[in-house]
Amino acid sequence: MTSIVNRRRSAALLGAAIMIGAASLSLETSSAFAASAIPADQAKVVVANSQNADVDHGYLGVQIQPVTQEVADAIDLANPAGALVANVSKDSPAARAGIKQGDAITSVGEKPVSTPKDLSRLVADLTPGDKKTVTVWRFGKSVDLTVEIGSSDDGMAKLAASKGSEQAIPAGPRIGVALVDLTPEVRERLDLSQDVQGAVVANVSPDKPAAAAGLKAGDVILSVNDKTIQNASGAKNAVADVAKAKKKSVLLLIQRGNNTTFVAVPFTTA
């Protein structure tokens, strides 16, 4: 019976494309990058949608995905709820606390986690240095772990270091995104062909125009106002040029999964 459960667990984890990338934003990857079957907008990195240049949010250091009914069945979890850990960032608060790939996070402190979005919000609202009990479902039983919450700034620094660049490049505070280069590793995680060039959205500030326009972590910016983009620095400069021209908005061509679309993002007046 044990071997059958283990096979079901392995099959479900593989089928759910647990290879969610590690190139994302603000956290050691800055946001979640989904590979294979997991859409970019479903694979959330903790604080992926909560990064703000003015506020230091909590940082856990995991990449997560929904607990589907199939996954719940495979890990003997009664209900399909929680956040399935697809990856744990090296030397992150999660790693130090003992959170492992394949754990389903079910609560933080006394607050239940029903979806990945719940976990993102709960962690983002915590203060770096807080110690919280994180409950995970592991191999058919509930385990309590004590986590010292990290800083979102630390997560951004780890992202930059892991990608071999000096820093994740903010594409101007006027629209509210942070970008990273499309490295070979990121390309593999996003399952992009070699002919795709651009800058990867690492983080989207929730209260900025980019978020309102629908940009998401994992989107690839291909062009800015019809100017082809090769990397994060090029995108930053192109957006700045459009702003200097006193345009009210900037037109971005983005790729999300196998689809391309134009997104018009207004500039803020502040």
Protein backbone atom coordinates (compact mmCIF):
# COMPACT_ATOMS: atom_id res chain seq x y z
CA MET A 1 0.00 0.00 0.00
CA THR A 2 2.85 2.38 0.87
CA SER A 3 4.51 1.87 -2.51
CA ILE A 4 1.23 2.63 -4.30
CA VAL A 5 0.81 5.88 -2.36
CA ASN A 6 4.41 6.85 -3.09
CA ARG A 7 3.92 6.19 -6.81
CA ARG A 8 0.74 8.23 -6.81
CA ARG A 9 2.53 11.05 -5.00
CA SER A 10 5.41 11.07 -7.44
CA ALA A 11 3.14 10.95 -10.47
CA ALA A 12 1.00 13.81 -9.22
CA LEU A 13 3.96 16.01 -8.43
CA LEU A 14 5.48 15.37 -11.82
CA GLY A 15 2.16 15.78 -13.57
CA ALA A 16 1.65 19.09 -11.83
CA ALA A 17 4.95 20.27 -13.31
CA ILE A 18 6.70 20.78 -10.02
CA MET A 19 9.66 22.18 -11.97
CA ILE A 20 8.54 25.72 -11.38
CA GLY A 21 11.47 27.97 -12.21
CA ALA A 22 13.74 29.92 -10.00
CA ALA A 23 14.42 33.11 -11.72
CA SER A 24 11.82 35.30 -10.38
CA LEU A 25 11.49 38.46 -8.65
CA SER A 26 12.34 40.08 -5.57
CA LEU A 27 12.96 36.78 -4.05
CA GLU A 28 15.80 34.95 -5.01
CA THR A 29 14.05 34.67 -8.08
CA SER A 30 11.76 37.54 -7.78
CA SER A 31 8.49 35.93 -8.63
CA ALA A 32 7.43 32.76 -9.92
CA PHE A 33 8.26 31.42 -13.14
CA ALA A 34 6.22 28.53 -14.33
CA ALA A 35 7.43 25.84 -16.63
CA SER A 36 5.55 23.24 -18.58
CA ALA A 37 1.97 22.80 -17.47
CA ILE A 38 1.82 25.52 -14.81
CA PRO A 39 0.80 28.93 -16.22
CA ALA A 40 2.93 31.87 -15.13
CA ASP A 41 -0.02 33.51 -13.43
CA GLN A 42 -0.63 30.43 -11.25
CA ALA A 43 2.90 29.84 -10.06
CA LYS A 44 3.39 32.41 -7.37
CA VAL A 45 6.54 33.18 -5.53
CA VAL A 46 5.89 34.47 -2.05
CA VAL A 47 5.66 38.27 -2.14
CA ALA A 48 5.52 38.10 -5.93
CA ASN A 49 2.68 40.55 -6.04
CA SER A 50 3.50 42.44 -2.88
CA GLN A 51 6.90 43.93 -3.55
CA ASN A 52 6.95 47.67 -2.98
CA ALA A 53 9.97 49.92 -3.19
CA ASP A 54 8.90 51.83 -0.09
CA VAL A 55 7.87 48.98 2.21
CA ASP A 56 9.97 46.04 3.30
CA HIS A 57 7.72 43.00 3.02
CA GLY A 58 8.17 39.55 4.47
CA TYR A 59 10.09 36.96 2.47
CA LEU A 60 9.89 33.19 2.75
CA GLY A 61 11.82 31.91 -0.25
CA VAL A 62 9.57 29.32 -1.83
CA GLN A 63 7.90 28.83 -5.17
CA ILE A 64 4.39 27.50 -4.84
CA GLN A 65 1.44 26.19 -6.79
CA PRO A 66 -2.15 25.19 -6.03
CA VAL A 67 -2.99 21.92 -4.32
CA THR A 68 -5.31 20.27 -6.82
CA GLN A 69 -7.58 17.36 -6.01
CA GLU A 70 -5.09 15.04 -7.75
CA VAL A 71 -2.21 16.33 -5.66
CA ALA A 72 -4.28 16.11 -2.47
CA ASP A 73 -5.12 12.50 -3.28
CA ALA A 74 -1.46 11.70 -3.91
CA ILE A 75 -0.26 13.11 -0.60
CA ASP A 76 -3.24 11.82 1.41
CA LEU A 77 -4.50 15.31 2.22
CA ALA A 78 -8.20 15.30 3.02
CA ASN A 79 -9.04 18.50 1.16
CA PRO A 80 -7.40 20.17 -1.86
CA ALA A 81 -6.23 23.25 0.02
CA GLY A 82 -2.90 24.87 0.79
CA ALA A 83 0.16 25.89 -1.20
CA LEU A 84 2.32 23.15 -2.68
CA VAL A 85 6.03 23.95 -2.43
CA ALA A 86 7.57 23.48 -5.87
CA ASN A 87 10.99 24.83 -4.97
CA VAL A 88 12.85 26.13 -1.92
CA SER A 89 15.45 28.84 -2.41
CA LYS A 90 18.90 28.04 -1.08
CA ASP A 91 19.77 29.72 2.23
CA SER A 92 16.27 31.22 2.44
CA PRO A 93 14.14 31.46 5.61
CA ALA A 94 12.13 28.49 4.32
CA ALA A 95 15.24 26.39 3.79
CA ARG A 96 16.61 27.22 7.23
CA ALA A 97 13.29 26.26 8.82
CA GLY A 98 13.27 22.89 7.10
CA ILE A 99 10.50 23.46 4.55
CA LYS A 100 10.95 20.99 1.70
CA GLN A 101 9.93 20.59 -1.90
CA GLY A 102 6.64 18.69 -1.96
CA ASP A 103 5.38 20.10 1.35
CA ALA A 104 1.89 21.56 1.30
CA ILE A 105 1.80 24.69 3.46
CA THR A 106 -1.54 24.76 5.26
CA SER A 107 -1.15 27.60 7.77
CA VAL A 108 1.07 30.48 8.88
CA GLY A 109 0.72 31.24 12.55
CA GLU A 110 -2.93 30.72 13.37
CA LYS A 111 -4.11 31.70 9.90
CA PRO A 112 -5.08 28.98 7.42
CA VAL A 113 -3.66 28.84 3.89
CA SER A 114 -6.23 27.72 1.34
CA THR A 115 -4.51 28.93 -1.84
CA PRO A 116 -1.07 30.14 -2.98
CA LYS A 117 -2.45 33.68 -2.95
CA ASP A 118 -3.29 33.32 0.74
CA LEU A 119 0.30 32.38 1.50
CA SER A 120 1.69 35.25 -0.57
CA ARG A 121 -0.47 37.77 1.26
CA LEU A 122 0.17 36.37 4.72
CA VAL A 123 3.94 36.36 4.30
CA ALA A 124 4.05 39.75 2.58
CA ASP A 125 2.18 41.29 5.52
CA LEU A 126 4.70 40.00 8.06
CA THR A 127 7.64 42.02 9.35
CA PRO A 128 11.15 40.73 8.65
CA GLY A 129 12.44 39.10 11.81
CA ASP A 130 9.04 37.81 12.92
CA LYS A 131 9.04 34.18 14.02
CA LYS A 132 5.99 32.23 12.95
CA THR A 133 4.87 28.63 13.07
CA VAL A 134 4.34 27.35 9.56
CA THR A 135 2.34 24.14 9.33
CA VAL A 136 3.02 21.83 6.41
CA TRP A 137 1.49 18.55 5.30
CA ARG A 138 4.30 16.09 4.65
CA PHE A 139 4.09 12.38 3.87
CA GLY A 140 0.64 12.00 5.33
CA LYS A 141 1.08 13.98 8.52
CA SER A 142 1.06 17.57 9.75
CA VAL A 143 4.40 19.10 10.75
CA ASP A 144 4.94 22.42 12.57
CA LEU A 145 8.06 24.39 11.68
CA THR A 146 9.33 27.68 13.13
CA VAL A 147 10.30 30.19 10.48
CA GLU A 148 12.08 33.49 10.99
CA ILE A 149 10.65 35.70 8.26
CA GLY A 150 13.18 37.30 5.96
CA SER A 151 13.26 40.60 4.13
CA SER A 152 12.04 41.12 0.58
CA ASP A 153 15.22 43.12 0.00
CA ASP A 154 17.25 40.00 0.80
CA GLY A 155 15.17 38.07 -1.69
CA MET A 156 15.88 40.58 -4.45
CA ALA A 157 19.59 40.45 -3.72
CA LYS A 158 19.57 36.66 -3.94
CA LEU A 159 17.77 36.83 -7.26
CA ALA A 160 20.38 39.13 -8.68
CA ALA A 161 23.23 36.97 -7.40
CA SER A 162 21.69 33.76 -8.69
CA LYS A 163 21.31 35.22 -12.15
CA GLY A 164 24.84 36.59 -12.31
CA SER A 165 23.77 40.20 -12.67
CA GLU A 166 24.44 43.10 -10.38
CA GLN A 167 20.81 43.65 -9.54
CA ALA A 168 17.26 43.17 -10.67
CA ILE A 169 16.66 46.26 -12.75
CA PRO A 170 13.62 48.33 -11.92
CA ALA A 171 12.05 49.40 -15.21
CA GLY A 172 11.36 52.82 -13.85
CA PRO A 173 9.19 53.65 -10.86
CA ARG A 174 6.71 55.22 -13.26
CA ILE A 175 5.09 51.92 -14.18
CA GLY A 176 6.02 49.68 -11.25
CA VAL A 177 7.89 46.61 -12.48
CA ALA A 178 11.28 45.06 -11.83
CA LEU A 179 13.02 43.14 -14.59
CA VAL A 180 15.70 40.49 -15.01
CA ASP A 181 17.55 39.30 -18.08
CA LEU A 182 16.35 36.31 -20.07
CA THR A 183 19.18 33.96 -19.11
CA PRO A 184 19.46 30.39 -20.42
CA GLU A 185 18.13 29.08 -17.11
CA VAL A 186 15.14 31.40 -17.18
CA ARG A 187 14.51 30.52 -20.82
CA GLU A 188 14.43 26.84 -19.90
CA ARG A 189 12.07 27.41 -16.98
CA LEU A 190 9.69 29.39 -19.15
CA ASP A 191 10.03 26.90 -22.00
CA LEU A 192 10.96 29.62 -24.49
CA SER A 193 12.58 29.00 -27.86
CA GLN A 194 15.99 30.44 -28.61
CA ASP A 195 14.58 33.07 -30.93
CA VAL A 196 12.68 34.80 -28.12
CA GLN A 197 14.55 37.83 -26.80
CA GLY A 198 13.48 40.33 -24.19
CA ALA A 199 13.29 41.19 -20.52
CA VAL A 200 11.48 39.07 -17.94
CA VAL A 201 9.09 40.73 -15.51
CA ALA A 202 10.44 39.78 -12.12
CA ASN A 203 8.08 41.71 -9.91
CA VAL A 204 4.98 43.87 -10.21
CA SER A 205 4.11 46.40 -7.51
CA PRO A 206 0.43 45.92 -6.71
CA ASP A 207 -0.37 49.64 -6.47
CA LYS A 208 1.36 50.72 -9.68
CA PRO A 209 0.06 51.10 -13.27
CA ALA A 210 1.68 47.90 -14.52
CA ALA A 211 -0.40 45.81 -12.13
CA ALA A 212 -3.59 47.60 -13.14
CA ALA A 213 -2.73 46.97 -16.80
CA GLY A 214 -2.43 43.25 -16.13
CA LEU A 215 1.32 42.64 -16.23
CA LYS A 216 2.41 39.58 -14.27
CA ALA A 217 5.62 38.06 -13.01
CA GLY A 218 6.96 35.77 -15.71
CA ASP A 219 5.81 37.92 -18.63
CA VAL A 220 8.51 38.57 -21.23
CA ILE A 221 8.66 42.10 -22.63
CA LEU A 222 9.52 41.78 -26.33
CA SER A 223 9.25 45.40 -27.37
CA VAL A 224 8.64 48.87 -25.95
CA ASN A 225 6.78 51.26 -28.25
CA ASP A 226 7.81 49.13 -31.23
CA LYS A 227 11.47 49.05 -30.15
CA THR A 228 12.76 45.47 -29.92
CA ILE A 229 14.11 44.60 -26.47
CA GLN A 230 17.15 42.40 -25.85
CA ASN A 231 17.55 42.56 -22.07
CA ALA A 232 16.37 44.18 -18.85
CA SER A 233 18.62 47.21 -19.22
CA GLY A 234 17.33 47.81 -22.75
CA ALA A 235 13.74 47.68 -21.53
CA LYS A 236 14.48 50.09 -18.70
CA ASN A 237 16.11 52.57 -21.05
CA ALA A 238 13.34 52.26 -23.64
CA VAL A 239 10.66 52.95 -21.03
CA ALA A 240 12.66 55.94 -19.80
CA ASP A 241 12.93 57.28 -23.35
CA VAL A 242 9.17 57.05 -23.80
CA ALA A 243 8.66 58.89 -20.51
CA LYS A 244 11.11 61.61 -21.56
CA ALA A 245 9.09 62.10 -24.74
CA LYS A 246 6.20 63.09 -22.47
CA LYS A 247 3.98 60.24 -23.62
CA LYS A 248 1.02 59.45 -21.41
CA SER A 249 1.57 55.71 -21.67
CA VAL A 250 3.97 53.10 -22.99
CA LEU A 251 2.99 50.21 -25.28
CA LEU A 252 4.56 46.88 -24.37
CA LEU A 253 4.49 43.75 -26.47
CA ILE A 254 4.65 40.83 -24.07
CA GLN A 255 4.80 37.07 -24.33
CA ARG A 256 3.01 34.98 -21.75
CA GLY A 257 3.31 31.27 -22.30
CA ASN A 258 2.68 30.71 -25.99
CA ASN A 259 0.67 33.90 -26.45
CA THR A 260 1.76 37.43 -27.36
CA THR A 261 -0.27 40.53 -26.64
CA PHE A 262 0.08 44.30 -26.42
CA VAL A 263 -0.33 45.99 -23.05
CA ALA A 264 -0.60 49.76 -22.72
CA VAL A 265 0.69 50.98 -19.36
CA PRO A 266 0.07 54.62 -18.31
CA PHE A 267 2.73 56.63 -16.57
CA THR A 268 2.02 57.96 -13.13
CA THR A 269 2.14 61.68 -12.52
CA ALA A 270 4.06 61.33 -9.28
